[in-house]
Amino acid sequence: MRFSTSLPKEVLKMAIDSIYAHKFRSALTILGIVVGVVTAIVVASILTGMRQSIVSIVEEYGTNNIYAFHLSTGFGSPSRDERNRKPLTEDDANALLAQSSTIEDIALVAVNIGSWGSGFDDNLVYEGKNYRWALTDGVTPNHINIANLVLKQGRWITEADNYQRRNVLVVGVNTVEALFPDKTDDVVGKVVRMNGTTWEIIGVIEKRKAGFFGENEEDRKVFMPFRTARKAAPTRDAVLHIIQAKQGQLNDAVQEVEGILRQRRGVKYGEPNNFDVKTADAFIAQFDGIIGGVGLAAIAISCLGLLVGGIGVMNIMLVSVTERTKEIGIRKAIGATKSAIVFQFLLEAMTLTAFGGVVGVILAVGISNLIMLLIPSIPATVELWMIGVSLGVSIGVGLIFGVLPARKASKLDPIECLRYE
């Protein structure tokens, strides 16, 4: 009977038998493949999960919002030149509302007034208990609607609170848990001390979706009226504009905002903006740029592992050709063609790397699930395309690095093979 490529099942069985006969050697050979696949899937799953989390968090704040600030917003720190820019003002907001036809409303935020150099201490104290991790913002009354905040208790800041510069606070859940651990449902009306002054808590914000490490920045927020913040920390003049575009006019609103602010801030034609304007899509794109670098590093590590694994496969297949020289001679003597021999050894190499891919996928799924179990705030989503690509690449490595041994086996002379000892 002639040995033919029309018998793939028999060839596959011989490949599996050969791998099984050298279990330890085969395991060492596929180690590089396993490492490459595990690295690629685990990193890809974490990055994919983080991106999904970022998208959901950003969208929760409003997909129709534009964020204008004198410094770059988003990920990363502003440069030294940016710190010398003059802040945006209330007059800028009034001009935007007056001159733009695509803006619905604008909320003003005096951001992090307790930050360095402000002279304002946002450490909250109540009956001997302290909360030192507050992020204190002064906000206009319309902030709750534009930022999509939800009240858990009490009420929000009113126009009267803002106009009269009242010492009232709307706090996040972290403040409540730190200062009122035994009565978290009854904190409205409580008076706390901050920056040497008494403040009345008038409301509590509902907890936002958790971030990467178990909390959202909003949970640490302490909101006071915008004009009160100006009085409490007069040296903190940074103002964030949260601009709500009219429905379906986001892109037009961005262009109008940039045009009006460039004119008001004296930016000449051809010069870059001396302010920053971003939308939800821009934040997501910025995050994509960051994780793209991490993804490239992971791909490099994976490729290194696959290269090591591929060289190991080629080496072990060359050894296998030498060990099975007599077998090859017998097969050729009974009618096996060169293409049949090539097919046999290629299939054996691909089967070997496929095993490595399967083991790598199983380990990667287990590691990803373990990460989510131990650190639930770090998402690690393994998707089907990751598994498919990993297995396909693993088999491809076997195909590429199996060519040389397969060709060597097919070129052996059957007479010389039968004489081989």
Protein backbone atom coordinates (compact mmCIF):
# COMPACT_ATOMS: atom_id res chain seq x y z
CA MET A 1 0.00 0.00 0.00
CA ARG A 2 1.38 3.45 -0.89
CA PHE A 3 1.91 6.01 1.89
CA SER A 4 -0.16 9.02 0.84
CA THR A 5 -1.19 12.44 2.07
CA SER A 6 -4.76 11.20 1.65
CA LEU A 7 -4.41 9.57 5.04
CA PRO A 8 -4.16 12.60 7.38
CA LYS A 9 -5.68 10.71 10.32
CA GLU A 10 -2.95 8.08 10.21
CA VAL A 11 -0.26 10.73 9.86
CA LEU A 12 -1.71 12.70 12.77
CA LYS A 13 -1.83 9.54 14.88
CA MET A 14 1.84 8.88 14.12
CA ALA A 15 2.67 12.49 15.05
CA ILE A 16 0.85 12.19 18.38
CA ASP A 17 2.48 8.82 19.10
CA SER A 18 5.91 10.34 18.40
CA ILE A 19 5.23 13.25 20.77
CA TYR A 20 3.85 10.94 23.45
CA ALA A 21 6.89 8.69 23.18
CA HIS A 22 9.12 11.63 24.16
CA LYS A 23 6.88 13.40 26.68
CA PHE A 24 9.53 15.21 28.70
CA ARG A 25 11.45 16.33 25.61
CA SER A 26 8.24 17.54 23.98
CA ALA A 27 7.23 19.44 27.13
CA LEU A 28 10.54 21.32 27.20
CA THR A 29 10.25 22.03 23.48
CA ILE A 30 6.85 23.71 23.75
CA LEU A 31 7.77 25.75 26.85
CA GLY A 32 8.58 28.83 24.77
CA ILE A 33 5.26 28.51 22.93
CA VAL A 34 3.42 28.29 26.25
CA VAL A 35 5.16 31.37 27.64
CA GLY A 36 4.44 33.38 24.49
CA VAL A 37 0.76 32.44 24.42
CA VAL A 38 0.25 33.04 28.16
CA THR A 39 1.90 36.47 27.99
CA ALA A 40 -0.11 37.54 24.96
CA ILE A 41 -3.50 36.41 26.27
CA VAL A 42 -3.09 37.62 29.86
CA VAL A 43 -1.86 41.08 28.85
CA ALA A 44 -4.46 41.36 26.08
CA SER A 45 -7.24 40.30 28.46
CA ILE A 46 -6.22 42.84 31.10
CA LEU A 47 -5.87 45.66 28.57
CA THR A 48 -9.20 44.78 26.93
CA GLY A 49 -10.94 44.67 30.29
CA MET A 50 -9.39 47.97 31.35
CA ARG A 51 -10.49 49.59 28.11
CA GLN A 52 -14.05 48.39 28.61
CA SER A 53 -13.95 49.76 32.15
CA ILE A 54 -12.59 53.13 30.96
CA VAL A 55 -15.26 53.36 28.26
CA SER A 56 -18.07 52.64 30.73
CA ILE A 57 -16.71 55.13 33.29
CA VAL A 58 -16.19 57.91 30.72
CA GLU A 59 -19.62 57.31 29.20
CA GLU A 60 -21.17 57.46 32.66
CA TYR A 61 -20.00 61.07 32.96
CA GLY A 62 -21.72 61.91 29.68
CA THR A 63 -20.87 61.26 26.06
CA ASN A 64 -22.17 64.68 25.00
CA ASN A 65 -19.81 66.66 27.25
CA ILE A 66 -16.78 68.74 26.30
CA TYR A 67 -14.05 69.41 28.87
CA ALA A 68 -12.15 72.70 28.49
CA PHE A 69 -9.21 73.51 30.76
CA HIS A 70 -6.03 75.57 30.52
CA LEU A 71 -3.93 72.43 31.20
CA SER A 72 -3.93 69.12 29.34
CA THR A 73 -6.59 66.84 30.78
CA GLY A 74 -6.72 63.08 30.83
CA PHE A 75 -3.73 60.81 31.47
CA GLY A 76 -0.31 62.20 32.29
CA SER A 77 1.01 65.40 33.87
CA PRO A 78 1.02 68.87 32.29
CA SER A 79 4.30 70.27 31.02
CA ARG A 80 6.14 73.23 32.54
CA ASP A 81 5.00 75.50 29.68
CA GLU A 82 1.38 74.53 30.27
CA ARG A 83 1.62 75.52 33.94
CA ASN A 84 2.39 79.08 32.83
CA ARG A 85 -0.87 79.38 30.92
CA LYS A 86 -3.56 81.65 32.29
CA PRO A 87 -6.63 79.76 33.55
CA LEU A 88 -10.04 79.86 31.94
CA THR A 89 -12.54 82.19 33.60
CA GLU A 90 -16.24 82.64 34.28
CA ASP A 91 -16.24 85.30 31.58
CA ASP A 92 -15.03 82.67 29.09
CA ALA A 93 -18.01 80.50 30.00
CA ASN A 94 -20.40 83.43 29.59
CA ALA A 95 -18.89 84.23 26.18
CA LEU A 96 -19.24 80.62 25.05
CA LEU A 97 -22.90 80.57 26.03
CA ALA A 98 -23.55 83.90 24.35
CA GLN A 99 -21.69 83.24 21.09
CA SER A 100 -22.26 79.52 20.47
CA SER A 101 -25.40 78.06 18.94
CA THR A 102 -24.47 74.45 19.73
CA ILE A 103 -23.94 74.63 23.51
CA GLU A 104 -26.75 73.63 25.88
CA ASP A 105 -25.14 74.54 29.21
CA ILE A 106 -21.79 74.95 31.00
CA ALA A 107 -20.85 73.87 34.52
CA LEU A 108 -17.86 75.49 36.24
CA VAL A 109 -15.56 73.53 38.53
CA ALA A 110 -12.93 75.04 40.81
CA VAL A 111 -10.86 71.87 40.78
CA ASN A 112 -9.05 70.36 43.76
CA ILE A 113 -8.94 73.57 45.78
CA GLY A 114 -7.09 71.73 48.57
CA SER A 115 -4.14 70.94 46.31
CA TRP A 116 -0.60 72.21 46.82
CA GLY A 117 -0.06 75.91 47.27
CA SER A 118 -3.71 76.79 47.89
CA GLY A 119 -3.56 77.40 51.64
CA PHE A 120 -6.70 75.26 51.89
CA ASP A 121 -6.70 72.05 53.92
CA ASP A 122 -9.35 69.55 52.84
CA ASN A 123 -8.95 67.33 55.89
CA LEU A 124 -12.44 66.72 57.29
CA VAL A 125 -12.90 66.21 61.05
CA TYR A 126 -15.92 65.00 63.00
CA GLU A 127 -15.85 64.02 66.69
CA GLY A 128 -12.21 62.93 66.61
CA LYS A 129 -12.45 61.12 63.27
CA ASN A 130 -10.50 62.40 60.26
CA TYR A 131 -10.79 61.97 56.52
CA ARG A 132 -7.57 63.15 54.87
CA TRP A 133 -8.11 61.90 51.30
CA ALA A 134 -10.82 64.27 50.12
CA LEU A 135 -10.71 65.92 46.69
CA THR A 136 -12.52 69.20 47.21
CA ASP A 137 -14.16 70.91 44.23
CA GLY A 138 -16.21 74.04 44.01
CA VAL A 139 -19.07 73.52 41.55
CA THR A 140 -21.98 75.45 40.09
CA PRO A 141 -25.51 74.17 40.82
CA ASN A 142 -25.95 72.71 37.31
CA HIS A 143 -22.95 70.39 37.81
CA ILE A 144 -25.13 67.53 39.07
CA ASN A 145 -27.01 67.31 35.77
CA ILE A 146 -24.09 67.85 33.40
CA ALA A 147 -21.82 65.37 35.23
CA ASN A 148 -24.66 62.83 35.65
CA LEU A 149 -24.32 62.61 39.42
CA VAL A 150 -26.96 60.82 41.50
CA LEU A 151 -27.85 61.80 45.05
CA LYS A 152 -28.01 59.06 47.68
CA GLN A 153 -29.10 61.31 50.54
CA GLY A 154 -30.15 64.91 51.06
CA ARG A 155 -30.10 67.63 48.45
CA TRP A 156 -27.74 69.23 45.96
CA ILE A 157 -26.20 72.71 45.97
CA THR A 158 -28.68 75.44 45.05
CA GLU A 159 -28.31 78.84 43.39
CA ALA A 160 -28.89 80.43 46.80
CA ASP A 161 -26.06 78.36 48.32
CA ASN A 162 -23.77 79.50 45.54
CA TYR A 163 -24.80 83.15 45.51
CA GLN A 164 -24.59 83.51 49.31
CA ARG A 165 -21.32 81.51 49.50
CA ARG A 166 -22.72 79.18 52.13
CA ASN A 167 -20.50 76.66 53.92
CA VAL A 168 -22.34 73.58 52.73
CA LEU A 169 -20.95 70.30 51.38
CA VAL A 170 -22.14 67.39 49.27
CA VAL A 171 -19.79 64.49 49.97
CA GLY A 172 -18.86 61.15 48.44
CA VAL A 173 -19.33 57.79 50.12
CA ASN A 174 -15.71 57.60 51.31
CA THR A 175 -16.19 60.63 53.53
CA VAL A 176 -19.32 59.12 55.01
CA GLU A 177 -17.68 55.77 55.74
CA ALA A 178 -14.65 57.45 57.35
CA LEU A 179 -16.48 59.97 59.54
CA PHE A 180 -19.79 58.20 60.22
CA PRO A 181 -19.05 54.45 60.16
CA ASP A 182 -21.97 53.57 62.44
CA LYS A 183 -24.65 55.80 60.90
CA THR A 184 -23.95 56.07 57.18
CA ASP A 185 -27.65 56.53 56.40
CA ASP A 186 -28.08 59.58 58.64
CA VAL A 187 -25.39 62.14 57.87
CA VAL A 188 -27.40 65.00 56.33
CA GLY A 189 -27.32 67.98 58.65
CA LYS A 190 -24.12 66.89 60.41
CA VAL A 191 -21.54 69.63 60.91
CA VAL A 192 -17.87 68.89 60.22
CA ARG A 193 -14.71 70.99 60.44
CA MET A 194 -12.47 71.63 57.46
CA ASN A 195 -9.72 74.21 57.07
CA GLY A 196 -10.54 75.60 60.53
CA THR A 197 -14.16 76.30 59.54
CA THR A 198 -17.46 74.52 60.17
CA TRP A 199 -19.37 73.05 57.21
CA GLU A 200 -22.82 71.47 57.01
CA ILE A 201 -23.27 68.27 55.02
CA ILE A 202 -26.40 68.68 52.90
CA GLY A 203 -26.12 65.64 50.63
CA VAL A 204 -24.32 62.41 49.76
CA ILE A 205 -23.44 61.27 46.24
CA GLU A 206 -24.30 57.74 45.14
CA LYS A 207 -21.26 55.52 44.63
CA ARG A 208 -19.97 55.48 41.06
CA LYS A 209 -18.82 52.41 39.16
CA ALA A 210 -15.58 51.10 40.64
CA GLY A 211 -12.33 52.05 38.94
CA PHE A 212 -9.30 49.82 38.41
CA PHE A 213 -8.38 49.64 42.08
CA GLY A 214 -11.75 49.40 43.73
CA GLU A 215 -12.82 53.05 43.88
CA ASN A 216 -13.80 55.86 41.61
CA GLU A 217 -12.37 59.32 42.12
CA GLU A 218 -15.91 60.59 42.62
CA ASP A 219 -16.17 58.58 45.86
CA ARG A 220 -13.45 60.84 47.35
CA LYS A 221 -15.05 64.08 46.19
CA VAL A 222 -16.29 66.82 48.47
CA PHE A 223 -18.39 69.40 46.61
CA MET A 224 -19.02 72.95 47.79
CA PRO A 225 -20.61 75.92 45.99
CA PHE A 226 -18.35 77.43 43.32
CA ARG A 227 -18.37 80.92 44.88
CA THR A 228 -17.71 79.45 48.32
CA ALA A 229 -14.61 77.73 46.93
CA ARG A 230 -13.44 81.06 45.50
CA LYS A 231 -13.79 82.61 48.96
CA ALA A 232 -12.19 79.65 50.78
CA ALA A 233 -9.20 79.28 48.43
CA PRO A 234 -8.74 82.57 46.54
CA THR A 235 -5.29 81.55 45.22
CA ARG A 236 -6.71 78.49 43.44
CA ASP A 237 -7.91 80.13 40.22
CA ALA A 238 -8.00 77.04 37.96
CA VAL A 239 -11.46 76.56 36.45
CA LEU A 240 -12.63 73.54 34.48
CA HIS A 241 -15.48 74.10 32.02
CA ILE A 242 -17.76 71.10 31.50
CA ILE A 243 -19.65 72.06 28.38
CA GLN A 244 -22.81 70.21 27.42
CA ALA A 245 -23.36 70.21 23.67
CA LYS A 246 -26.80 70.14 22.14
CA GLN A 247 -27.95 66.72 21.07
CA GLY A 248 -26.27 65.58 17.85
CA GLN A 249 -24.02 68.66 17.64
CA LEU A 250 -20.97 67.54 19.62
CA ASN A 251 -18.43 67.95 16.81
CA ASP A 252 -19.80 71.36 15.83
CA ALA A 253 -19.72 72.42 19.48
CA VAL A 254 -16.05 71.39 19.81
CA GLN A 255 -15.14 73.54 16.81
CA GLU A 256 -17.10 76.51 18.14
CA VAL A 257 -15.57 76.19 21.61
CA GLU A 258 -12.05 76.10 20.18
CA GLY A 259 -12.75 79.05 17.87
CA ILE A 260 -14.24 81.25 20.60
CA LEU A 261 -11.54 80.43 23.16
CA ARG A 262 -8.73 80.97 20.63
CA GLN A 263 -10.15 84.41 19.86
CA ARG A 264 -10.59 85.34 23.53
CA ARG A 265 -7.13 84.09 24.50
CA GLY A 266 -5.36 85.78 21.59
CA VAL A 267 -4.13 82.64 19.83
CA LYS A 268 -2.89 83.57 16.35
CA TYR A 269 -3.61 81.63 13.19
CA GLY A 270 -1.34 78.58 12.88
CA GLU A 271 -0.38 78.58 16.57
CA PRO A 272 -1.40 75.65 18.79
CA ASN A 273 -4.12 76.10 21.39
CA ASN A 274 -3.02 77.40 24.77
CA PHE A 275 -5.83 75.43 26.35
CA ASP A 276 -7.14 71.88 26.16
CA VAL A 277 -10.48 70.68 24.78
CA LYS A 278 -11.46 67.03 25.06
CA THR A 279 -14.50 64.84 24.65
CA ALA A 280 -15.26 61.33 25.93
CA ASP A 281 -13.97 59.89 22.64
CA ALA A 282 -10.73 61.84 23.05
CA PHE A 283 -10.18 60.40 26.54
CA ILE A 284 -10.74 56.89 25.21
CA ALA A 285 -8.39 57.53 22.27
CA GLN A 286 -5.74 58.82 24.68
CA PHE A 287 -6.08 55.67 26.78
CA ASP A 288 -5.83 53.57 23.63
CA GLY A 289 -2.54 55.27 22.85
CA ILE A 290 -1.20 54.37 26.29
CA ILE A 291 -2.26 50.74 26.20
CA GLY A 292 -0.99 50.49 22.63
CA GLY A 293 2.56 50.88 23.96
CA VAL A 294 1.95 48.25 26.61
CA GLY A 295 0.44 45.98 23.98
CA LEU A 296 3.49 46.35 21.74
CA ALA A 297 5.75 45.41 24.66
CA ALA A 298 3.61 42.35 25.34
CA ILE A 299 3.72 41.38 21.65
CA ALA A 300 7.52 41.69 21.70
CA ILE A 301 7.75 39.39 24.73
CA SER A 302 5.32 36.94 23.13
CA CYS A 303 7.26 36.93 19.87
CA LEU A 304 10.46 36.24 21.79
CA GLY A 305 8.80 33.28 23.51
CA LEU A 306 7.40 32.00 20.24
CA LEU A 307 10.79 32.41 18.55
CA VAL A 308 12.48 30.41 21.31
CA GLY A 309 9.73 27.82 21.05
CA GLY A 310 10.02 27.70 17.27
CA ILE A 311 13.78 27.18 17.40
CA GLY A 312 13.22 24.43 19.95
CA VAL A 313 10.70 22.76 17.67
CA MET A 314 13.06 22.95 14.69
CA ASN A 315 15.89 21.51 16.76
CA ILE A 316 13.83 18.64 18.13
CA MET A 317 12.45 17.86 14.68
CA LEU A 318 15.97 17.73 13.23
CA VAL A 319 16.90 15.30 16.01
CA SER A 320 13.76 13.33 15.24
CA VAL A 321 14.72 13.09 11.55
CA THR A 322 18.11 11.68 12.52
CA GLU A 323 16.61 9.23 15.01
CA ARG A 324 14.02 8.02 12.50
CA THR A 325 16.27 7.78 9.46
CA LYS A 326 15.64 4.05 9.09
CA GLU A 327 11.88 4.55 9.46
CA ILE A 328 11.97 7.19 6.70
CA GLY A 329 13.87 4.75 4.45
CA ILE A 330 11.26 2.02 5.04
CA ARG A 331 8.40 4.41 4.26
CA LYS A 332 10.06 5.55 1.07
CA ALA A 333 10.77 1.95 0.11
CA ILE A 334 7.07 1.04 0.35
CA GLY A 335 6.01 4.01 -1.77
CA ALA A 336 5.94 7.17 0.36
CA THR A 337 6.57 10.24 -1.81
CA LYS A 338 8.61 13.29 -0.87
CA SER A 339 5.42 15.30 -0.33
CA ALA A 340 4.12 12.60 2.02
CA ILE A 341 7.29 12.74 4.12
CA VAL A 342 7.15 16.55 4.19
CA PHE A 343 3.50 16.40 5.20
CA GLN A 344 4.24 13.91 7.97
CA PHE A 345 6.98 15.97 9.62
CA LEU A 346 5.20 19.28 9.12
CA LEU A 347 2.08 17.86 10.73
CA GLU A 348 4.16 16.54 13.62
CA ALA A 349 5.75 19.97 14.19
CA MET A 350 2.37 21.71 13.95
CA THR A 351 0.81 19.21 16.34
CA LEU A 352 3.63 19.86 18.82
CA THR A 353 3.18 23.63 18.74
CA ALA A 354 -0.61 23.25 18.79
CA PHE A 355 -0.26 21.36 22.08
CA GLY A 356 1.83 24.27 23.34
CA GLY A 357 -0.87 26.69 22.25
CA VAL A 358 -3.62 24.70 23.99
CA VAL A 359 -1.62 24.49 27.23
CA GLY A 360 -0.86 28.22 27.00
CA VAL A 361 -4.53 29.09 26.48
CA ILE A 362 -5.60 26.97 29.46
CA LEU A 363 -2.97 28.58 31.71
CA ALA A 364 -3.80 32.08 30.44
CA VAL A 365 -7.53 31.65 31.13
CA GLY A 366 -6.73 30.32 34.60
CA ILE A 367 -4.36 33.22 35.36
CA SER A 368 -6.87 35.80 34.09
CA ASN A 369 -9.63 34.33 36.24
CA LEU A 370 -7.27 34.24 39.23
CA ILE A 371 -6.44 37.93 38.73
CA MET A 372 -10.15 38.81 38.68
CA LEU A 373 -10.73 36.66 41.77
CA LEU A 374 -7.87 38.13 43.82
CA ILE A 375 -8.19 41.71 42.50
CA PRO A 376 -11.79 42.16 41.29
CA SER A 377 -11.17 45.81 40.44
CA ILE A 378 -8.65 44.84 37.72
CA PRO A 379 -10.71 43.52 34.79
CA ALA A 380 -9.24 40.67 32.76
CA THR A 381 -11.60 39.64 29.98
CA VAL A 382 -10.52 36.70 27.79
CA GLU A 383 -12.33 36.91 24.47
CA LEU A 384 -12.69 34.23 21.81
CA TRP A 385 -10.59 36.12 19.26
CA MET A 386 -7.62 36.00 21.65
CA ILE A 387 -7.87 32.22 21.89
CA GLY A 388 -8.31 31.83 18.14
CA VAL A 389 -5.36 34.07 17.28
CA SER A 390 -3.12 32.37 19.86
CA LEU A 391 -3.87 28.89 18.57
CA GLY A 392 -3.47 30.02 14.96
CA VAL A 393 -0.09 31.62 15.67
CA SER A 394 1.06 28.54 17.59
CA ILE A 395 0.22 26.26 14.66
CA GLY A 396 1.85 28.76 12.29
CA VAL A 397 5.08 28.61 14.30
CA GLY A 398 5.11 24.82 13.88
CA LEU A 399 4.52 25.20 10.15
CA ILE A 400 7.32 27.74 9.67
CA PHE A 401 9.94 26.07 11.85
CA GLY A 402 9.01 22.59 10.68
CA VAL A 403 9.81 23.27 7.03
CA LEU A 404 13.58 22.73 7.28
CA PRO A 405 13.40 19.37 9.11
CA ALA A 406 10.59 18.18 6.81
CA ARG A 407 12.58 19.05 3.67
CA LYS A 408 15.66 17.36 5.09
CA ALA A 409 13.66 14.20 5.76
CA SER A 410 12.11 14.20 2.28
CA LYS A 411 15.53 14.46 0.58
CA LEU A 412 17.06 11.44 2.34
CA ASP A 413 18.06 8.58 0.04
CA PRO A 414 16.06 5.43 0.90
CA ILE A 415 19.02 3.10 0.32
CA GLU A 416 21.26 5.10 2.62
CA CYS A 417 18.44 5.30 5.16
CA LEU A 418 18.06 1.52 5.24
CA ARG A 419 21.80 1.16 5.84
CA TYR A 420 21.70 3.70 8.69
CA GLU A 421 22.39 2.31 12.14
